[in-house]
Amino acid sequence: MLKLQTLRKNIDSIDEHIILLLKERMDVVRRIGKLKKEQGLPFRDDKRWKESLEKKISKAKESGIDPALIKKIYESVHRHALGIEQDA
């Protein structure tokens, strides 16, 4: 049982890192949103989004992670980021 508890603590620690990285990412998104507003640029860049998602899916495949999971996660992150950009 001790091993299970240790592994669960590892997962909790990893999850904390993921949350901190997402916060850092959203901080950068806010800065991007402000720059886009200042420069009159559109918030959506479908070409960049498609290229970025394809790279993430490719990396997932190389890493042995289900690409569908990565696609779903990043689509959600992207939707949220667009909202933050527009509110910045």
N, C-alpha and C. Protein backbone atom coordinates (compact mmCIF):
# COMPACT_ATOMS: atom_id res chain seq x y z
N MET A 1 0.82 -1.20 0.00
CA MET A 1 0.00 0.00 0.00
C MET A 1 0.86 1.26 0.00
N LEU A 2 2.01 1.19 0.64
CA LEU A 2 2.90 2.34 0.70
C LEU A 2 3.30 2.80 -0.69
N LYS A 3 3.55 1.86 -1.59
CA LYS A 3 3.94 2.21 -2.95
C LYS A 3 2.82 2.98 -3.65
N LEU A 4 1.58 2.55 -3.47
CA LEU A 4 0.43 3.23 -4.06
C LEU A 4 0.34 4.66 -3.55
N GLN A 5 0.51 4.85 -2.26
CA GLN A 5 0.46 6.19 -1.68
C GLN A 5 1.58 7.07 -2.24
N THR A 6 2.75 6.50 -2.39
CA THR A 6 3.88 7.24 -2.95
C THR A 6 3.59 7.65 -4.39
N LEU A 7 3.06 6.74 -5.16
CA LEU A 7 2.73 7.05 -6.56
C LEU A 7 1.65 8.12 -6.64
N ARG A 8 0.67 8.05 -5.76
CA ARG A 8 -0.38 9.07 -5.74
C ARG A 8 0.19 10.43 -5.36
N LYS A 9 1.13 10.46 -4.44
CA LYS A 9 1.79 11.72 -4.09
C LYS A 9 2.57 12.26 -5.28
N ASN A 10 3.18 11.37 -6.05
CA ASN A 10 3.88 11.79 -7.27
C ASN A 10 2.91 12.45 -8.25
N ILE A 11 1.75 11.84 -8.41
CA ILE A 11 0.73 12.41 -9.30
C ILE A 11 0.29 13.77 -8.79
N ASP A 12 0.06 13.89 -7.49
CA ASP A 12 -0.35 15.17 -6.92
C ASP A 12 0.71 16.25 -7.18
N SER A 13 1.95 15.88 -7.04
CA SER A 13 3.05 16.83 -7.28
C SER A 13 3.09 17.24 -8.75
N ILE A 14 2.94 16.29 -9.63
CA ILE A 14 2.93 16.58 -11.08
C ILE A 14 1.75 17.49 -11.41
N ASP A 15 0.59 17.21 -10.83
CA ASP A 15 -0.59 18.04 -11.07
C ASP A 15 -0.36 19.47 -10.62
N GLU A 16 0.32 19.65 -9.49
CA GLU A 16 0.65 21.00 -9.03
C GLU A 16 1.53 21.73 -10.04
N HIS A 17 2.49 21.01 -10.60
CA HIS A 17 3.35 21.59 -11.63
C HIS A 17 2.55 21.98 -12.87
N ILE A 18 1.63 21.12 -13.27
CA ILE A 18 0.79 21.41 -14.44
C ILE A 18 -0.01 22.68 -14.20
N ILE A 19 -0.58 22.82 -13.02
CA ILE A 19 -1.37 24.02 -12.70
C ILE A 19 -0.50 25.27 -12.74
N LEU A 20 0.69 25.19 -12.17
CA LEU A 20 1.59 26.34 -12.20
C LEU A 20 2.00 26.70 -13.62
N LEU A 21 2.22 25.69 -14.44
CA LEU A 21 2.57 25.95 -15.85
C LEU A 21 1.39 26.55 -16.61
N LEU A 22 0.18 26.09 -16.32
CA LEU A 22 -1.00 26.68 -16.96
C LEU A 22 -1.18 28.13 -16.55
N LYS A 23 -0.92 28.44 -15.28
CA LYS A 23 -1.00 29.82 -14.83
C LYS A 23 0.03 30.68 -15.57
N GLU A 24 1.25 30.16 -15.68
CA GLU A 24 2.30 30.88 -16.40
C GLU A 24 1.89 31.09 -17.86
N ARG A 25 1.30 30.06 -18.46
CA ARG A 25 0.86 30.16 -19.85
C ARG A 25 -0.21 31.24 -20.00
N MET A 26 -1.17 31.27 -19.08
CA MET A 26 -2.26 32.25 -19.17
C MET A 26 -1.74 33.67 -18.91
N ASP A 27 -0.70 33.80 -18.09
CA ASP A 27 -0.08 35.12 -17.90
C ASP A 27 0.50 35.63 -19.22
N VAL A 28 1.13 34.74 -19.96
CA VAL A 28 1.68 35.11 -21.28
C VAL A 28 0.54 35.42 -22.24
N VAL A 29 -0.53 34.65 -22.18
CA VAL A 29 -1.70 34.89 -23.03
C VAL A 29 -2.25 36.30 -22.80
N ARG A 30 -2.33 36.73 -21.54
CA ARG A 30 -2.80 38.09 -21.23
C ARG A 30 -1.90 39.14 -21.90
N ARG A 31 -0.61 38.91 -21.82
CA ARG A 31 0.34 39.86 -22.44
C ARG A 31 0.15 39.89 -23.96
N ILE A 32 -0.08 38.72 -24.54
CA ILE A 32 -0.33 38.64 -25.99
C ILE A 32 -1.61 39.39 -26.32
N GLY A 33 -2.65 39.19 -25.52
CA GLY A 33 -3.92 39.87 -25.75
C GLY A 33 -3.76 41.38 -25.74
N LYS A 34 -3.00 41.90 -24.79
CA LYS A 34 -2.75 43.35 -24.72
C LYS A 34 -2.01 43.84 -25.96
N LEU A 35 -1.00 43.09 -26.38
CA LEU A 35 -0.26 43.48 -27.58
C LEU A 35 -1.14 43.46 -28.83
N LYS A 36 -1.96 42.44 -28.94
CA LYS A 36 -2.86 42.35 -30.09
C LYS A 36 -3.83 43.52 -30.12
N LYS A 37 -4.35 43.90 -28.96
CA LYS A 37 -5.25 45.07 -28.89
C LYS A 37 -4.52 46.33 -29.30
N GLU A 38 -3.33 46.53 -28.75
CA GLU A 38 -2.54 47.73 -29.06
C GLU A 38 -2.22 47.82 -30.55
N GLN A 39 -1.95 46.68 -31.16
CA GLN A 39 -1.55 46.65 -32.56
C GLN A 39 -2.71 46.42 -33.52
N GLY A 40 -3.92 46.27 -32.98
CA GLY A 40 -5.09 46.06 -33.82
C GLY A 40 -5.08 44.73 -34.56
N LEU A 41 -4.47 43.74 -33.96
CA LEU A 41 -4.39 42.42 -34.60
C LEU A 41 -5.57 41.55 -34.18
N PRO A 42 -5.98 40.63 -35.04
CA PRO A 42 -7.09 39.74 -34.67
C PRO A 42 -6.66 38.77 -33.57
N PHE A 43 -7.61 38.38 -32.74
CA PHE A 43 -7.30 37.46 -31.66
C PHE A 43 -7.11 36.04 -32.16
N ARG A 44 -7.80 35.69 -33.21
CA ARG A 44 -7.68 34.33 -33.77
C ARG A 44 -6.70 34.33 -34.93
N ASP A 45 -5.84 33.34 -34.93
CA ASP A 45 -4.92 33.11 -36.05
C ASP A 45 -5.03 31.62 -36.36
N ASP A 46 -6.01 31.29 -37.20
CA ASP A 46 -6.32 29.88 -37.45
C ASP A 46 -5.14 29.11 -38.02
N LYS A 47 -4.33 29.75 -38.86
CA LYS A 47 -3.17 29.07 -39.44
C LYS A 47 -2.18 28.69 -38.34
N ARG A 48 -1.87 29.65 -37.47
CA ARG A 48 -0.94 29.37 -36.38
C ARG A 48 -1.50 28.31 -35.44
N TRP A 49 -2.80 28.40 -35.14
CA TRP A 49 -3.42 27.43 -34.26
C TRP A 49 -3.32 26.01 -34.84
N LYS A 50 -3.60 25.88 -36.12
CA LYS A 50 -3.55 24.56 -36.77
C LYS A 50 -2.13 24.00 -36.73
N GLU A 51 -1.15 24.84 -37.06
CA GLU A 51 0.25 24.39 -37.04
C GLU A 51 0.67 23.99 -35.62
N SER A 52 0.29 24.79 -34.65
CA SER A 52 0.64 24.53 -33.25
C SER A 52 0.02 23.22 -32.77
N LEU A 53 -1.24 23.01 -33.08
CA LEU A 53 -1.92 21.79 -32.66
C LEU A 53 -1.29 20.56 -33.32
N GLU A 54 -0.96 20.67 -34.59
CA GLU A 54 -0.32 19.55 -35.29
C GLU A 54 1.02 19.18 -34.64
N LYS A 55 1.79 20.19 -34.21
CA LYS A 55 3.06 19.92 -33.53
C LYS A 55 2.83 19.21 -32.20
N LYS A 56 1.82 19.65 -31.47
CA LYS A 56 1.52 19.03 -30.17
C LYS A 56 1.05 17.58 -30.36
N ILE A 57 0.25 17.34 -31.36
CA ILE A 57 -0.22 15.98 -31.63
C ILE A 57 0.94 15.09 -32.05
N SER A 58 1.83 15.62 -32.88
CA SER A 58 3.01 14.87 -33.30
C SER A 58 3.89 14.52 -32.10
N LYS A 59 4.10 15.49 -31.22
CA LYS A 59 4.90 15.26 -30.01
C LYS A 59 4.23 14.22 -29.13
N ALA A 60 2.91 14.26 -29.04
CA ALA A 60 2.18 13.27 -28.24
C ALA A 60 2.43 11.87 -28.80
N LYS A 61 2.34 11.72 -30.10
CA LYS A 61 2.57 10.41 -30.73
C LYS A 61 3.98 9.91 -30.41
N GLU A 62 4.97 10.81 -30.53
CA GLU A 62 6.36 10.43 -30.24
C GLU A 62 6.53 10.00 -28.79
N SER A 63 5.73 10.61 -27.91
CA SER A 63 5.85 10.36 -26.47
C SER A 63 4.98 9.21 -25.99
N GLY A 64 4.21 8.61 -26.89
CA GLY A 64 3.34 7.50 -26.51
C GLY A 64 2.07 7.94 -25.79
N ILE A 65 1.68 9.20 -26.01
CA ILE A 65 0.45 9.73 -25.41
C ILE A 65 -0.64 9.74 -26.48
N ASP A 66 -1.84 9.39 -26.08
CA ASP A 66 -2.96 9.36 -27.02
C ASP A 66 -3.16 10.75 -27.63
N PRO A 67 -2.99 10.89 -28.94
CA PRO A 67 -3.15 12.19 -29.59
C PRO A 67 -4.54 12.79 -29.39
N ALA A 68 -5.56 11.96 -29.26
CA ALA A 68 -6.92 12.47 -29.04
C ALA A 68 -7.01 13.20 -27.70
N LEU A 69 -6.30 12.70 -26.71
CA LEU A 69 -6.28 13.36 -25.40
C LEU A 69 -5.62 14.73 -25.51
N ILE A 70 -4.49 14.79 -26.16
CA ILE A 70 -3.77 16.06 -26.33
C ILE A 70 -4.61 17.04 -27.13
N LYS A 71 -5.26 16.55 -28.17
CA LYS A 71 -6.12 17.43 -28.99
C LYS A 71 -7.23 18.02 -28.13
N LYS A 72 -7.87 17.19 -27.33
CA LYS A 72 -8.98 17.65 -26.49
C LYS A 72 -8.48 18.66 -25.45
N ILE A 73 -7.35 18.36 -24.82
CA ILE A 73 -6.80 19.27 -23.81
C ILE A 73 -6.48 20.62 -24.44
N TYR A 74 -5.75 20.61 -25.55
CA TYR A 74 -5.32 21.88 -26.14
C TYR A 74 -6.45 22.65 -26.81
N GLU A 75 -7.47 21.98 -27.29
CA GLU A 75 -8.63 22.71 -27.79
C GLU A 75 -9.29 23.48 -26.65
N SER A 76 -9.37 22.84 -25.49
CA SER A 76 -9.96 23.50 -24.33
C SER A 76 -9.07 24.66 -23.86
N VAL A 77 -7.78 24.44 -23.78
CA VAL A 77 -6.84 25.50 -23.37
C VAL A 77 -6.91 26.66 -24.35
N HIS A 78 -7.00 26.35 -25.64
CA HIS A 78 -7.04 27.40 -26.67
C HIS A 78 -8.31 28.24 -26.56
N ARG A 79 -9.45 27.59 -26.37
CA ARG A 79 -10.71 28.33 -26.21
C ARG A 79 -10.62 29.27 -25.01
N HIS A 80 -10.11 28.76 -23.93
CA HIS A 80 -9.97 29.57 -22.72
C HIS A 80 -8.99 30.73 -22.96
N ALA A 81 -7.91 30.45 -23.63
CA ALA A 81 -6.90 31.49 -23.91
C ALA A 81 -7.47 32.60 -24.78
N LEU A 82 -8.28 32.25 -25.77
CA LEU A 82 -8.88 33.27 -26.62
C LEU A 82 -9.76 34.21 -25.79
N GLY A 83 -10.49 33.67 -24.84
CA GLY A 83 -11.31 34.49 -23.96
C GLY A 83 -10.45 35.43 -23.13
N ILE A 84 -9.34 34.93 -22.62
CA ILE A 84 -8.44 35.77 -21.82
C ILE A 84 -7.83 36.86 -22.68
N GLU A 85 -7.42 36.53 -23.90
CA GLU A 85 -6.84 37.53 -24.81
C GLU A 85 -7.83 38.66 -25.05
N GLN A 86 -9.07 38.31 -25.30
CA GLN A 86 -10.08 39.32 -25.61
C GLN A 86 -10.40 40.19 -24.40
N ASP A 87 -10.25 39.66 -23.20
CA ASP A 87 -10.52 40.42 -21.99
C ASP A 87 -9.34 41.24 -21.50
N ALA A 88 -8.17 40.98 -22.09
CA ALA A 88 -6.94 41.66 -21.61
C ALA A 88 -6.96 43.14 -21.91
